[in-house]
PDB file of N, CA and C in Angstrom:
ATOM      1  N   UNK A   1      10.729  99.304 103.227  1.00  0.00           N
ATOM      2  CA  UNK A   1      10.637 100.691 103.652  1.00  0.00           C
ATOM      3  C   UNK A   1       9.476 101.372 102.953  1.00  0.00           C
ATOM      4  N   UNK A   2       8.862 102.279 103.658  1.00  0.00           N
ATOM      5  CA  UNK A   2       7.812 103.130 103.119  1.00  0.00           C
ATOM      6  C   UNK A   2       8.453 104.477 102.786  1.00  0.00           C
ATOM      7  N   UNK A   3       7.961 105.137 101.755  1.00  0.00           N
ATOM      8  CA  UNK A   3       8.590 106.394 101.338  1.00  0.00           C
ATOM      9  C   UNK A   3       7.558 107.508 101.208  1.00  0.00           C
ATOM     10  N   UNK A   4       8.027 108.724 101.434  1.00  0.00           N
ATOM     11  CA  UNK A   4       7.253 109.943 101.245  1.00  0.00           C
ATOM     12  C   UNK A   4       7.986 110.748 100.172  1.00  0.00           C
ATOM     13  N   UNK A   5       7.252 111.166  99.149  1.00  0.00           N
ATOM     14  CA  UNK A   5       7.830 111.974  98.074  1.00  0.00           C
ATOM     15  C   UNK A   5       7.131 113.326  98.053  1.00  0.00           C
ATOM     16  N   UNK A   6       7.919 114.389  97.965  1.00  0.00           N
ATOM     17  CA  UNK A   6       7.367 115.740  97.933  1.00  0.00           C
ATOM     18  C   UNK A   6       7.994 116.535  96.796  1.00  0.00           C
ATOM     19  N   UNK A   7       7.201 117.405  96.213  1.00  0.00           N
ATOM     20  CA  UNK A   7       7.688 118.326  95.197  1.00  0.00           C
ATOM     21  C   UNK A   7       6.821 119.576  95.280  1.00  0.00           C
ATOM     22  N   UNK A   8       7.438 120.703  95.600  1.00  0.00           N
ATOM     23  CA  UNK A   8       6.725 121.969  95.747  1.00  0.00           C
ATOM     24  C   UNK A   8       7.449 123.060  94.977  1.00  0.00           C
ATOM     25  N   UNK A   9       6.709 123.933  94.344  1.00  0.00           N
ATOM     26  CA  UNK A   9       7.337 125.060  93.661  1.00  0.00           C
ATOM     27  C   UNK A   9       7.602 126.177  94.669  1.00  0.00           C
ATOM     28  N   UNK A  10       8.510 127.074  94.309  1.00  0.00           N
ATOM     29  CA  UNK A  10       8.833 128.211  95.173  1.00  0.00           C
ATOM     30  C   UNK A  10       9.279 129.384  94.310  1.00  0.00           C
ATOM     31  N   UNK A  11       9.438 130.534  94.946  1.00  0.00           N
ATOM     32  CA  UNK A  11       9.906 131.744  94.256  1.00  0.00           C
ATOM     33  C   UNK A  11      11.100 132.366  94.971  1.00  0.00           C
ATOM     34  N   UNK A  12      11.942 131.539  95.542  1.00  0.00           N
ATOM     35  CA  UNK A  12      13.086 132.033  96.286  1.00  0.00           C
ATOM     36  C   UNK A  12      14.223 132.417  95.353  1.00  0.00           C
ATOM     37  N   UNK A  13      14.895 133.532  95.663  1.00  0.00           N
ATOM     38  CA  UNK A  13      16.084 133.888  94.904  1.00  0.00           C
ATOM     39  C   UNK A  13      17.274 133.085  95.456  1.00  0.00           C
ATOM     40  N   UNK A  14      18.439 133.244  94.882  1.00  0.00           N
ATOM     41  CA  UNK A  14      19.613 132.448  95.257  1.00  0.00           C
ATOM     42  C   UNK A  14      19.973 132.600  96.734  1.00  0.00           C
ATOM     43  N   UNK A  15      19.941 133.831  97.246  1.00  0.00           N
ATOM     44  CA  UNK A  15      20.274 134.052  98.658  1.00  0.00           C
ATOM     45  C   UNK A  15      19.248 133.389  99.575  1.00  0.00           C
ATOM     46  N   UNK A  16      17.972 133.508  99.245  1.00  0.00           N
ATOM     47  CA  UNK A  16      16.920 132.899 100.055  1.00  0.00           C
ATOM     48  C   UNK A  16      16.996 131.373 100.002  1.00  0.00           C
ATOM     49  N   UNK A  17      17.355 130.816  98.845  1.00  0.00           N
ATOM     50  CA  UNK A  17      17.533 129.360  98.747  1.00  0.00           C
ATOM     51  C   UNK A  17      18.669 128.894  99.643  1.00  0.00           C
ATOM     52  N   UNK A  18      19.752 129.653  99.642  1.00  0.00           N
ATOM     53  CA  UNK A  18      20.895 129.299 100.496  1.00  0.00           C
ATOM     54  C   UNK A  18      20.495 129.332 101.974  1.00  0.00           C
ATOM     55  N   UNK A  19      19.784 130.383 102.382  1.00  0.00           N
ATOM     56  CA  UNK A  19      19.331 130.480 103.775  1.00  0.00           C
ATOM     57  C   UNK A  19      18.385 129.335 104.122  1.00  0.00           C
ATOM     58  N   UNK A  20      17.488 128.996 103.200  1.00  0.00           N
ATOM     59  CA  UNK A  20      16.529 127.916 103.443  1.00  0.00           C
ATOM     60  C   UNK A  20      17.243 126.574 103.589  1.00  0.00           C
ATOM     61  N   UNK A  21      18.208 126.306 102.725  1.00  0.00           N
ATOM     62  CA  UNK A  21      18.957 125.048 102.833  1.00  0.00           C
ATOM     63  C   UNK A  21      19.737 124.969 104.139  1.00  0.00           C
ATOM     64  N   UNK A  22      20.362 126.078 104.528  1.00  0.00           N
ATOM     65  CA  UNK A  22      21.114 126.079 105.781  1.00  0.00           C
ATOM     66  C   UNK A  22      20.181 125.887 106.973  1.00  0.00           C
ATOM     67  N   UNK A  23      19.040 126.557 106.954  1.00  0.00           N
ATOM     68  CA  UNK A  23      18.072 126.418 108.051  1.00  0.00           C
ATOM     69  C   UNK A  23      17.536 124.986 108.124  1.00  0.00           C
ATOM     70  N   UNK A  24      17.275 124.388 106.977  1.00  0.00           N
ATOM     71  CA  UNK A  24      16.780 123.018 106.958  1.00  0.00           C
ATOM     72  C   UNK A  24      17.854 122.044 107.436  1.00  0.00           C
ATOM     73  N   UNK A  25      19.091 122.283 107.029  1.00  0.00           N
ATOM     74  CA  UNK A  25      20.188 121.445 107.504  1.00  0.00           C
ATOM     75  C   UNK A  25      20.309 121.540 109.023  1.00  0.00           C
ATOM     76  N   UNK A  26      20.242 122.748 109.557  1.00  0.00           N
ATOM     77  CA  UNK A  26      20.307 122.942 111.006  1.00  0.00           C
ATOM     78  C   UNK A  26      19.140 122.247 111.704  1.00  0.00           C
ATOM     79  N   UNK A  27      17.932 122.373 111.156  1.00  0.00           N
ATOM     80  CA  UNK A  27      16.743 121.751 111.736  1.00  0.00           C
ATOM     81  C   UNK A  27      16.904 120.231 111.779  1.00  0.00           C
ATOM     82  N   UNK A  28      17.337 119.663 110.661  1.00  0.00           N
ATOM     83  CA  UNK A  28      17.484 118.204 110.604  1.00  0.00           C
ATOM     84  C   UNK A  28      18.512 117.710 111.615  1.00  0.00           C
ATOM     85  N   UNK A  29      19.636 118.389 111.715  1.00  0.00           N
ATOM     86  CA  UNK A  29      20.684 117.924 112.617  1.00  0.00           C
ATOM     87  C   UNK A  29      20.399 118.255 114.078  1.00  0.00           C
ATOM     88  N   UNK A  30      19.938 119.461 114.360  1.00  0.00           N
ATOM     89  CA  UNK A  30      19.738 119.873 115.744  1.00  0.00           C
ATOM     90  C   UNK A  30      18.425 119.380 116.339  1.00  0.00           C
ATOM     91  N   UNK A  31      17.334 119.473 115.595  1.00  0.00           N
ATOM     92  CA  UNK A  31      16.026 119.100 116.131  1.00  0.00           C
ATOM     93  C   UNK A  31      15.723 117.619 115.991  1.00  0.00           C
ATOM     94  N   UNK A  32      16.208 117.003 114.909  1.00  0.00           N
ATOM     95  CA  UNK A  32      15.878 115.603 114.664  1.00  0.00           C
ATOM     96  C   UNK A  32      17.064 114.666 114.882  1.00  0.00           C
ATOM     97  N   UNK A  33      18.220 115.210 115.170  1.00  0.00           N
ATOM     98  CA  UNK A  33      19.393 114.377 115.423  1.00  0.00           C
ATOM     99  C   UNK A  33      19.899 113.629 114.205  1.00  0.00           C
ATOM    100  N   UNK A  34      19.605 114.143 113.023  1.00  0.00           N
ATOM    101  CA  UNK A  34      20.015 113.478 111.789  1.00  0.00           C
ATOM    102  C   UNK A  34      21.469 113.785 111.462  1.00  0.00           C
ATOM    103  N   UNK A  35      22.086 112.852 110.792  1.00  0.00           N
ATOM    104  CA  UNK A  35      23.394 113.071 110.189  1.00  0.00           C
ATOM    105  C   UNK A  35      23.120 113.653 108.812  1.00  0.00           C
ATOM    106  N   UNK A  36      23.681 114.829 108.514  1.00  0.00           N
ATOM    107  CA  UNK A  36      23.363 115.531 107.270  1.00  0.00           C
ATOM    108  C   UNK A  36      24.642 115.831 106.491  1.00  0.00           C
ATOM    109  N   UNK A  37      24.600 115.523 105.197  1.00  0.00           N
ATOM    110  CA  UNK A  37      25.685 115.858 104.281  1.00  0.00           C
ATOM    111  C   UNK A  37      25.102 116.731 103.183  1.00  0.00           C
ATOM    112  N   UNK A  38      25.842 117.769 102.828  1.00  0.00           N
ATOM    113  CA  UNK A  38      25.358 118.664 101.781  1.00  0.00           C
ATOM    114  C   UNK A  38      26.219 118.546 100.535  1.00  0.00           C
ATOM    115  N   UNK A  39      25.551 118.440  99.394  1.00  0.00           N
ATOM    116  CA  UNK A  39      26.199 118.419  98.087  1.00  0.00           C
ATOM    117  C   UNK A  39      25.536 119.511  97.263  1.00  0.00           C
ATOM    118  N   UNK A  40      26.176 120.666  97.148  1.00  0.00           N
ATOM    119  CA  UNK A  40      25.619 121.816  96.431  1.00  0.00           C
ATOM    120  C   UNK A  40      24.233 122.156  96.976  1.00  0.00           C
ATOM    121  N   UNK A  41      23.185 121.944  96.185  1.00  0.00           N
ATOM    122  CA  UNK A  41      21.824 122.300  96.598  1.00  0.00           C
ATOM    123  C   UNK A  41      21.021 121.080  97.043  1.00  0.00           C
ATOM    124  N   UNK A  42      21.722 120.043  97.525  1.00  0.00           N
ATOM    125  CA  UNK A  42      21.042 118.831  97.981  1.00  0.00           C
ATOM    126  C   UNK A  42      21.532 118.448  99.370  1.00  0.00           C
ATOM    127  N   UNK A  43      20.586 118.083 100.232  1.00  0.00           N
ATOM    128  CA  UNK A  43      20.900 117.557 101.544  1.00  0.00           C
ATOM    129  C   UNK A  43      20.597 116.066 101.541  1.00  0.00           C
ATOM    130  N   UNK A  44      21.537 115.288 102.047  1.00  0.00           N
ATOM    131  CA  UNK A  44      21.350 113.852 102.223  1.00  0.00           C
ATOM    132  C   UNK A  44      21.416 113.618 103.722  1.00  0.00           C
ATOM    133  N   UNK A  45      20.385 112.990 104.280  1.00  0.00           N
ATOM    134  CA  UNK A  45      20.325 112.856 105.730  1.00  0.00           C
ATOM    135  C   UNK A  45      19.840 111.473 106.147  1.00  0.00           C
ATOM    136  N   UNK A  46      20.167 111.135 107.387  1.00  0.00           N
ATOM    137  CA  UNK A  46      19.680 109.874 107.952  1.00  0.00           C
ATOM    138  C   UNK A  46      19.650 109.994 109.468  1.00  0.00           C
ATOM    139  N   UNK A  47      18.730 109.273 110.038  1.00  0.00           N
ATOM    140  CA  UNK A  47      18.579 109.219 111.481  1.00  0.00           C
ATOM    141  C   UNK A  47      18.004 107.865 111.844  1.00  0.00           C
ATOM    142  N   UNK A  48      17.682 107.677 113.087  1.00  0.00           N
ATOM    143  CA  UNK A  48      17.135 106.410 113.540  1.00  0.00           C
ATOM    144  C   UNK A  48      15.770 106.179 112.908  1.00  0.00           C
ATOM    145  N   UNK A  49      15.686 105.202 112.027  1.00  0.00           N
ATOM    146  CA  UNK A  49      14.416 104.833 111.410  1.00  0.00           C
ATOM    147  C   UNK A  49      14.037 105.607 110.165  1.00  0.00           C
ATOM    148  N   UNK A  50      14.926 106.449 109.648  1.00  0.00           N
ATOM    149  CA  UNK A  50      14.600 107.212 108.435  1.00  0.00           C
ATOM    150  C   UNK A  50      15.870 107.651 107.717  1.00  0.00           C
ATOM    151  N   UNK A  51      15.718 107.940 106.426  1.00  0.00           N
ATOM    152  CA  UNK A  51      16.795 108.524 105.627  1.00  0.00           C
ATOM    153  C   UNK A  51      16.141 109.235 104.456  1.00  0.00           C
ATOM    154  N   UNK A  52      16.881 110.147 103.840  1.00  0.00           N
ATOM    155  CA  UNK A  52      16.277 110.846 102.718  1.00  0.00           C
ATOM    156  C   UNK A  52      17.170 111.874 102.084  1.00  0.00           C
ATOM    157  N   UNK A  53      16.557 112.582 101.133  1.00  0.00           N
ATOM    158  CA  UNK A  53      17.237 113.655 100.421  1.00  0.00           C
ATOM    159  C   UNK A  53      16.270 114.823 100.237  1.00  0.00           C
ATOM    160  N   UNK A  54      16.830 116.017 100.169  1.00  0.00           N
ATOM    161  CA  UNK A  54      16.075 117.217  99.824  1.00  0.00           C
ATOM    162  C   UNK A  54      16.938 118.012  98.865  1.00  0.00           C
ATOM    163  N   UNK A  55      16.363 118.409  97.741  1.00  0.00           N
ATOM    164  CA  UNK A  55      17.086 119.261  96.806  1.00  0.00           C
ATOM    165  C   UNK A  55      16.266 120.515  96.542  1.00  0.00           C
ATOM    166  N   UNK A  56      16.964 121.618  96.366  1.00  0.00           N
ATOM    167  CA  UNK A  56      16.313 122.914  96.181  1.00  0.00           C
ATOM    168  C   UNK A  56      16.945 123.585  94.966  1.00  0.00           C
ATOM    169  N   UNK A  57      16.230 123.536  93.828  1.00  0.00           N
ATOM    170  CA  UNK A  57      16.757 124.202  92.636  1.00  0.00           C
ATOM    171  C   UNK A  57      16.073 125.554  92.464  1.00  0.00           C
ATOM    172  N   UNK A  58      16.206 126.163  91.312  1.00  0.00           N
ATOM    173  CA  UNK A  58      15.697 127.519  91.099  1.00  0.00           C
ATOM    174  C   UNK A  58      14.176 127.612  91.156  1.00  0.00           C
ATOM    175  N   UNK A  59      13.470 126.514  90.912  1.00  0.00           N
ATOM    176  CA  UNK A  59      12.010 126.564  90.869  1.00  0.00           C
ATOM    177  C   UNK A  59      11.295 125.621  91.831  1.00  0.00           C
ATOM    178  N   UNK A  60      11.937 124.529  92.221  1.00  0.00           N
ATOM    179  CA  UNK A  60      11.248 123.506  93.007  1.00  0.00           C
ATOM    180  C   UNK A  60      12.117 122.996  94.151  1.00  0.00           C
ATOM    181  N   UNK A  61      11.430 122.534  95.173  1.00  0.00           N
ATOM    182  CA  UNK A  61      12.072 121.749  96.215  1.00  0.00           C
ATOM    183  C   UNK A  61      11.527 120.334  96.063  1.00  0.00           C
ATOM    184  N   UNK A  62      12.426 119.371  96.099  1.00  0.00           N
ATOM    185  CA  UNK A  62      12.036 117.970  95.970  1.00  0.00           C
ATOM    186  C   UNK A  62      12.606 117.212  97.148  1.00  0.00           C
ATOM    187  N   UNK A  63      11.819 116.276  97.648  1.00  0.00           N
ATOM    188  CA  UNK A  63      12.290 115.488  98.766  1.00  0.00           C
ATOM    189  C   UNK A  63      11.812 114.059  98.708  1.00  0.00           C
ATOM    190  N   UNK A  64      12.617 113.207  99.276  1.00  0.00           N
ATOM    191  CA  UNK A  64      12.270 111.803  99.422  1.00  0.00           C
ATOM    192  C   UNK A  64      12.686 111.389 100.825  1.00  0.00           C
ATOM    193  N   UNK A  65      11.778 110.797 101.545  1.00  0.00           N
ATOM    194  CA  UNK A  65      12.040 110.338 102.903  1.00  0.00           C
ATOM    195  C   UNK A  65      11.648 108.877 102.985  1.00  0.00           C
ATOM    196  N   UNK A  66      12.592 108.032 103.335  1.00  0.00           N
ATOM    197  CA  UNK A  66      12.330 106.608 103.498  1.00  0.00           C
ATOM    198  C   UNK A  66      12.181 106.319 104.979  1.00  0.00           C
ATOM    199  N   UNK A  67      11.072 105.665 105.316  1.00  0.00           N
ATOM    200  CA  UNK A  67      10.755 105.369 106.710  1.00  0.00           C
ATOM    201  C   UNK A  67      11.010 103.909 107.017  1.00  0.00           C
ATOM    202  N   UNK A  68      11.627 103.659 108.150  1.00  0.00           N
ATOM    203  CA  UNK A  68      11.829 102.297 108.610  1.00  0.00           C
ATOM    204  C   UNK A  68      10.532 101.719 109.154  1.00  0.00           C
ATOM    205  N   UNK A  69      10.573 100.475 109.530  1.00  0.00           N
ATOM    206  CA  UNK A  69       9.397  99.735 109.980  1.00  0.00           C
ATOM    207  C   UNK A  69       8.654 100.427 111.126  1.00  0.00           C
ATOM    208  N   UNK A  70       9.371 100.913 112.116  1.00  0.00           N
ATOM    209  CA  UNK A  70       8.724 101.528 113.273  1.00  0.00           C
ATOM    210  C   UNK A  70       8.128 102.901 112.977  1.00  0.00           C
ATOM    211  N   UNK A  71       8.612 103.553 111.949  1.00  0.00           N
ATOM    212  CA  UNK A  71       8.118 104.890 111.596  1.00  0.00           C
ATOM    213  C   UNK A  71       6.909 104.844 110.660  1.00  0.00           C
ATOM    214  N   UNK A  72       6.665 103.729 109.992  1.00  0.00           N
ATOM    215  CA  UNK A  72       5.587 103.629 109.009  1.00  0.00           C
ATOM    216  C   UNK A  72       4.215 104.036 109.538  1.00  0.00           C
ATOM    217  N   UNK A  73       3.836 103.631 110.747  1.00  0.00           N
ATOM    218  CA  UNK A  73       2.503 104.015 111.227  1.00  0.00           C
ATOM    219  C   UNK A  73       2.312 105.525 111.361  1.00  0.00           C
ATOM    220  N   UNK A  74       3.407 106.270 111.414  1.00  0.00           N
ATOM    221  CA  UNK A  74       3.331 107.720 111.579  1.00  0.00           C
ATOM    222  C   UNK A  74       3.482 108.463 110.257  1.00  0.00           C
ATOM    223  N   UNK A  75       3.368 107.769 109.128  1.00  0.00           N
ATOM    224  CA  UNK A  75       3.609 108.363 107.820  1.00  0.00           C
ATOM    225  C   UNK A  75       2.742 109.604 107.572  1.00  0.00           C
ATOM    226  N   UNK A  76       1.452 109.553 107.887  1.00  0.00           N
ATOM    227  CA  UNK A  76       0.566 110.701 107.681  1.00  0.00           C
ATOM    228  C   UNK A  76       0.980 111.904 108.510  1.00  0.00           C
ATOM    229  N   UNK A  77       1.287 111.672 109.764  1.00  0.00           N
ATOM    230  CA  UNK A  77       1.716 112.750 110.657  1.00  0.00           C
ATOM    231  C   UNK A  77       3.043 113.335 110.187  1.00  0.00           C
ATOM    232  N   UNK A  78       3.966 112.479 109.803  1.00  0.00           N
ATOM    233  CA  UNK A  78       5.272 112.941 109.330  1.00  0.00           C
ATOM    234  C   UNK A  78       5.116 113.757 108.054  1.00  0.00           C
ATOM    235  N   UNK A  79       4.267 113.303 107.143  1.00  0.00           N
ATOM    236  CA  UNK A  79       4.034 114.036 105.894  1.00  0.00           C
ATOM    237  C   UNK A  79       3.493 115.429 106.184  1.00  0.00           C
ATOM    238  N   UNK A  80       2.522 115.546 107.072  1.00  0.00           N
ATOM    239  CA  UNK A  80       1.960 116.862 107.427  1.00  0.00           C
ATOM    240  C   UNK A  80       3.029 117.762 108.052  1.00  0.00           C
ATOM    241  N   UNK A  81       3.857 117.207 108.919  1.00  0.00           N
ATOM    242  CA  UNK A  81       4.897 117.994 109.572  1.00  0.00           C
ATOM    243  C   UNK A  81       5.932 118.474 108.553  1.00  0.00           C
ATOM    244  N   UNK A  82       6.326 117.611 107.642  1.00  0.00           N
ATOM    245  CA  UNK A  82       7.292 117.997 106.605  1.00  0.00           C
ATOM    246  C   UNK A  82       6.727 119.134 105.768  1.00  0.00           C
ATOM    247  N   UNK A  83       5.477 119.017 105.358  1.00  0.00           N
ATOM    248  CA  UNK A  83       4.862 120.072 104.541  1.00  0.00           C
ATOM    249  C   UNK A  83       4.805 121.393 105.302  1.00  0.00           C
ATOM    250  N   UNK A  84       4.523 121.342 106.590  1.00  0.00           N
ATOM    251  CA  UNK A  84       4.468 122.571 107.398  1.00  0.00           C
ATOM    252  C   UNK A  84       5.847 123.193 107.518  1.00  0.00           C
ATOM    253  N   UNK A  85       6.864 122.377 107.763  1.00  0.00           N
ATOM    254  CA  UNK A  85       8.231 122.893 107.879  1.00  0.00           C
ATOM    255  C   UNK A  85       8.700 123.470 106.549  1.00  0.00           C
ATOM    256  N   UNK A  86       8.438 122.761 105.449  1.00  0.00           N
ATOM    257  CA  UNK A  86       8.825 123.274 104.132  1.00  0.00           C
ATOM    258  C   UNK A  86       8.128 124.593 103.815  1.00  0.00           C
ATOM    259  N   UNK A  87       6.855 124.691 104.152  1.00  0.00           N
ATOM    260  CA  UNK A  87       6.122 125.936 103.893  1.00  0.00           C
ATOM    261  C   UNK A  87       6.797 127.104 104.616  1.00  0.00           C
ATOM    262  N   UNK A  88       7.259 126.874 105.832  1.00  0.00           N
ATOM    263  CA  UNK A  88       7.942 127.916 106.588  1.00  0.00           C
ATOM    264  C   UNK A  88       9.213 128.359 105.863  1.00  0.00           C
ATOM    265  N   UNK A  89      10.009 127.403 105.391  1.00  0.00           N
ATOM    266  CA  UNK A  89      11.265 127.725 104.723  1.00  0.00           C
ATOM    267  C   UNK A  89      11.055 128.329 103.336  1.00  0.00           C
ATOM    268  N   UNK A  90       9.974 127.946 102.660  1.00  0.00           N
ATOM    269  CA  UNK A  90       9.745 128.420 101.297  1.00  0.00           C
ATOM    270  C   UNK A  90       9.076 129.786 101.228  1.00  0.00           C
ATOM    271  N   UNK A  91       8.635 130.305 102.372  1.00  0.00           N
ATOM    272  CA  UNK A  91       8.021 131.626 102.397  1.00  0.00           C
ATOM    273  C   UNK A  91       9.050 132.720 102.147  1.00  0.00           C
ATOM    274  N   UNK A  92      10.308 132.427 102.402  1.00  0.00           N
ATOM    275  CA  UNK A  92      11.339 133.468 102.246  1.00  0.00           C
ATOM    276  C   UNK A  92      11.235 134.448 103.399  1.00  0.00           C
ATOM    277  N   UNK A  93      11.666 135.675 103.155  1.00  0.00           N
ATOM    278  CA  UNK A  93      11.636 136.665 104.227  1.00  0.00           C
ATOM    279  C   UNK A  93      10.554 137.671 104.017  1.00  0.00           C
TER     280      UNK A  93
END
């Protein structure tokens, strides 16, 4: 498996972090068809050809996405899309 690792700082307060995690959970399940489980401030997800985790603490969002064989050629595109989606969620309101 090929993996993508991300770590970005943010300035979200507790309410904004909660909204961001819920929005990301909804995006993963509704838009990408992923199975998502939440443990406090961490999302664990998997779908066809990928699996990963996202955690959102008081200062940083961290993510790891493991890509299956068929998804590897799209690693650059997937990385750019993840960064764009995270930027949207980390902007707050």
